[in-house]
Amino acid sequence: MDKDKKEYKVPAGTITILVIFVLLIIALWGSAYLTLLSRGATG
């Protein structure tokens, strides 16, 4: 049964790039939000 079971490696590089991308997007949106708050444009 071990021969029929295929094990795939986790794409660590892709996951790392994805995490960096998500953190970058969060940082950019956070910066924009804080800029709007500092200008008093709350809604």
PDB file of N, CA and C in Angstrom:
ATOM      1  N   MET A   1       0.819  -1.203   0.000  1.00  0.00           N
ATOM      2  CA  MET A   1       0.000   0.000   0.000  1.00  0.00           C
ATOM      3  C   MET A   1       0.862   1.266   0.000  1.00  0.00           C
ATOM      4  N   ASP A   2       2.078   1.183   0.474  1.00  0.00           N
ATOM      5  CA  ASP A   2       2.929   2.358   0.492  1.00  0.00           C
ATOM      6  C   ASP A   2       3.308   2.811  -0.915  1.00  0.00           C
ATOM      7  N   LYS A   3       3.340   1.853  -1.861  1.00  0.00           N
ATOM      8  CA  LYS A   3       3.704   2.214  -3.230  1.00  0.00           C
ATOM      9  C   LYS A   3       2.577   2.971  -3.926  1.00  0.00           C
ATOM     10  N   ASP A   4       1.335   2.715  -3.552  1.00  0.00           N
ATOM     11  CA  ASP A   4       0.200   3.400  -4.175  1.00  0.00           C
ATOM     12  C   ASP A   4       0.009   4.817  -3.639  1.00  0.00           C
ATOM     13  N   LYS A   5       0.489   5.047  -2.432  1.00  0.00           N
ATOM     14  CA  LYS A   5       0.298   6.353  -1.792  1.00  0.00           C
ATOM     15  C   LYS A   5       1.361   7.334  -2.275  1.00  0.00           C
ATOM     16  N   LYS A   6       0.922   8.421  -2.881  1.00  0.00           N
ATOM     17  CA  LYS A   6       1.852   9.427  -3.374  1.00  0.00           C
ATOM     18  C   LYS A   6       1.938  10.562  -2.358  1.00  0.00           C
ATOM     19  N   GLU A   7       3.157  10.928  -2.014  1.00  0.00           N
ATOM     20  CA  GLU A   7       3.363  12.032  -1.081  1.00  0.00           C
ATOM     21  C   GLU A   7       3.979  13.197  -1.837  1.00  0.00           C
ATOM     22  N   TYR A   8       3.397  14.359  -1.651  1.00  0.00           N
ATOM     23  CA  TYR A   8       3.875  15.548  -2.332  1.00  0.00           C
ATOM     24  C   TYR A   8       4.578  16.453  -1.330  1.00  0.00           C
ATOM     25  N   LYS A   9       5.631  17.096  -1.804  1.00  0.00           N
ATOM     26  CA  LYS A   9       6.329  18.052  -0.947  1.00  0.00           C
ATOM     27  C   LYS A   9       5.515  19.335  -0.856  1.00  0.00           C
ATOM     28  N   VAL A  10       5.569  19.952   0.282  1.00  0.00           N
ATOM     29  CA  VAL A  10       4.880  21.235   0.456  1.00  0.00           C
ATOM     30  C   VAL A  10       5.679  22.306  -0.270  1.00  0.00           C
ATOM     31  N   PRO A  11       5.028  23.098  -1.124  1.00  0.00           N
ATOM     32  CA  PRO A  11       5.747  24.145  -1.856  1.00  0.00           C
ATOM     33  C   PRO A  11       6.100  25.316  -0.943  1.00  0.00           C
ATOM     34  N   ALA A  12       7.198  25.152  -0.197  1.00  0.00           N
ATOM     35  CA  ALA A  12       7.573  26.136   0.828  1.00  0.00           C
ATOM     36  C   ALA A  12       7.855  27.511   0.219  1.00  0.00           C
ATOM     37  N   GLY A  13       8.482  27.541  -0.948  1.00  0.00           N
ATOM     38  CA  GLY A  13       8.782  28.823  -1.577  1.00  0.00           C
ATOM     39  C   GLY A  13       7.525  29.580  -1.958  1.00  0.00           C
ATOM     40  N   THR A  14       6.547  28.867  -2.499  1.00  0.00           N
ATOM     41  CA  THR A  14       5.286  29.497  -2.883  1.00  0.00           C
ATOM     42  C   THR A  14       4.544  30.012  -1.662  1.00  0.00           C
ATOM     43  N   ILE A  15       4.530  29.225  -0.608  1.00  0.00           N
ATOM     44  CA  ILE A  15       3.853  29.644   0.620  1.00  0.00           C
ATOM     45  C   ILE A  15       4.550  30.868   1.215  1.00  0.00           C
ATOM     46  N   THR A  16       5.879  30.887   1.177  1.00  0.00           N
ATOM     47  CA  THR A  16       6.625  32.036   1.703  1.00  0.00           C
ATOM     48  C   THR A  16       6.302  33.301   0.920  1.00  0.00           C
ATOM     49  N   ILE A  17       6.304  33.210  -0.404  1.00  0.00           N
ATOM     50  CA  ILE A  17       5.988  34.374  -1.230  1.00  0.00           C
ATOM     51  C   ILE A  17       4.553  34.839  -0.988  1.00  0.00           C
ATOM     52  N   LEU A  18       3.640  33.885  -0.838  1.00  0.00           N
ATOM     53  CA  LEU A  18       2.245  34.234  -0.589  1.00  0.00           C
ATOM     54  C   LEU A  18       2.094  34.964   0.750  1.00  0.00           C
ATOM     55  N   VAL A  19       2.763  34.486   1.785  1.00  0.00           N
ATOM     56  CA  VAL A  19       2.698  35.136   3.101  1.00  0.00           C
ATOM     57  C   VAL A  19       3.275  36.546   3.034  1.00  0.00           C
ATOM     58  N   ILE A  20       4.413  36.695   2.353  1.00  0.00           N
ATOM     59  CA  ILE A  20       5.021  38.026   2.212  1.00  0.00           C
ATOM     60  C   ILE A  20       4.080  38.966   1.463  1.00  0.00           C
ATOM     61  N   PHE A  21       3.442  38.451   0.401  1.00  0.00           N
ATOM     62  CA  PHE A  21       2.522  39.262  -0.383  1.00  0.00           C
ATOM     63  C   PHE A  21       1.334  39.711   0.456  1.00  0.00           C
ATOM     64  N   VAL A  22       0.758  38.803   1.239  1.00  0.00           N
ATOM     65  CA  VAL A  22      -0.394  39.139   2.079  1.00  0.00           C
ATOM     66  C   VAL A  22       0.004  40.166   3.136  1.00  0.00           C
ATOM     67  N   LEU A  23       1.174  39.979   3.763  1.00  0.00           N
ATOM     68  CA  LEU A  23       1.631  40.950   4.761  1.00  0.00           C
ATOM     69  C   LEU A  23       1.881  42.317   4.134  1.00  0.00           C
ATOM     70  N   LEU A  24       2.395  42.331   2.916  1.00  0.00           N
ATOM     71  CA  LEU A  24       2.623  43.603   2.226  1.00  0.00           C
ATOM     72  C   LEU A  24       1.313  44.311   1.926  1.00  0.00           C
ATOM     73  N   ILE A  25       0.310  43.573   1.471  1.00  0.00           N
ATOM     74  CA  ILE A  25      -0.998  44.163   1.198  1.00  0.00           C
ATOM     75  C   ILE A  25      -1.615  44.730   2.480  1.00  0.00           C
ATOM     76  N   ILE A  26      -1.526  43.969   3.580  1.00  0.00           N
ATOM     77  CA  ILE A  26      -2.065  44.441   4.860  1.00  0.00           C
ATOM     78  C   ILE A  26      -1.348  45.721   5.292  1.00  0.00           C
ATOM     79  N   ALA A  27      -0.025  45.755   5.126  1.00  0.00           N
ATOM     80  CA  ALA A  27       0.742  46.936   5.523  1.00  0.00           C
ATOM     81  C   ALA A  27       0.358  48.150   4.681  1.00  0.00           C
ATOM     82  N   LEU A  28       0.181  47.948   3.379  1.00  0.00           N
ATOM     83  CA  LEU A  28      -0.184  49.071   2.511  1.00  0.00           C
ATOM     84  C   LEU A  28      -1.582  49.593   2.822  1.00  0.00           C
ATOM     85  N   TRP A  29      -2.535  48.687   3.021  1.00  0.00           N
ATOM     86  CA  TRP A  29      -3.889  49.123   3.372  1.00  0.00           C
ATOM     87  C   TRP A  29      -3.910  49.797   4.737  1.00  0.00           C
ATOM     88  N   GLY A  30      -3.139  49.272   5.673  1.00  0.00           N
ATOM     89  CA  GLY A  30      -3.054  49.895   6.995  1.00  0.00           C
ATOM     90  C   GLY A  30      -2.482  51.294   6.920  1.00  0.00           C
ATOM     91  N   SER A  31      -1.473  51.466   6.087  1.00  0.00           N
ATOM     92  CA  SER A  31      -0.875  52.790   5.910  1.00  0.00           C
ATOM     93  C   SER A  31      -1.879  53.760   5.304  1.00  0.00           C
ATOM     94  N   ALA A  32      -2.611  53.304   4.307  1.00  0.00           N
ATOM     95  CA  ALA A  32      -3.620  54.165   3.685  1.00  0.00           C
ATOM     96  C   ALA A  32      -4.717  54.524   4.682  1.00  0.00           C
ATOM     97  N   TYR A  33      -5.122  53.552   5.490  1.00  0.00           N
ATOM     98  CA  TYR A  33      -6.170  53.795   6.486  1.00  0.00           C
ATOM     99  C   TYR A  33      -5.706  54.812   7.526  1.00  0.00           C
ATOM    100  N   LEU A  34      -4.480  54.650   7.989  1.00  0.00           N
ATOM    101  CA  LEU A  34      -3.962  55.607   8.979  1.00  0.00           C
ATOM    102  C   LEU A  34      -3.801  56.997   8.372  1.00  0.00           C
ATOM    103  N   THR A  35      -3.456  57.065   7.104  1.00  0.00           N
ATOM    104  CA  THR A  35      -3.380  58.362   6.425  1.00  0.00           C
ATOM    105  C   THR A  35      -4.755  59.022   6.374  1.00  0.00           C
ATOM    106  N   LEU A  36      -5.786  58.247   6.051  1.00  0.00           N
ATOM    107  CA  LEU A  36      -7.129  58.805   6.029  1.00  0.00           C
ATOM    108  C   LEU A  36      -7.565  59.260   7.413  1.00  0.00           C
ATOM    109  N   LEU A  37      -7.239  58.475   8.443  1.00  0.00           N
ATOM    110  CA  LEU A  37      -7.603  58.877   9.802  1.00  0.00           C
ATOM    111  C   LEU A  37      -6.892  60.154  10.217  1.00  0.00           C
ATOM    112  N   SER A  38      -5.641  60.294   9.839  1.00  0.00           N
ATOM    113  CA  SER A  38      -4.887  61.490  10.219  1.00  0.00           C
ATOM    114  C   SER A  38      -5.418  62.734   9.510  1.00  0.00           C
ATOM    115  N   ARG A  39      -6.018  62.545   8.328  1.00  0.00           N
ATOM    116  CA  ARG A  39      -6.606  63.681   7.598  1.00  0.00           C
ATOM    117  C   ARG A  39      -8.038  63.950   8.033  1.00  0.00           C
ATOM    118  N   GLY A  40      -8.605  63.102   8.849  1.00  0.00           N
ATOM    119  CA  GLY A  40      -9.944  63.329   9.349  1.00  0.00           C
ATOM    120  C   GLY A  40     -11.051  62.850   8.429  1.00  0.00           C
ATOM    121  N   ALA A  41     -10.717  62.044   7.429  1.00  0.00           N
ATOM    122  CA  ALA A  41     -11.720  61.541   6.497  1.00  0.00           C
ATOM    123  C   ALA A  41     -12.222  60.181   7.000  1.00  0.00           C
ATOM    124  N   THR A  42     -13.112  60.230   7.980  1.00  0.00           N
ATOM    125  CA  THR A  42     -13.565  58.980   8.599  1.00  0.00           C
ATOM    126  C   THR A  42     -14.900  58.517   8.064  1.00  0.00           C
ATOM    127  N   GLY A  43     -15.449  59.181   7.094  1.00  0.00           N
ATOM    128  CA  GLY A  43     -16.635  58.605   6.557  1.00  0.00           C
ATOM    129  C   GLY A  43     -17.679  59.560   6.152  1.00  0.00           C
TER     130      GLY A  43
END
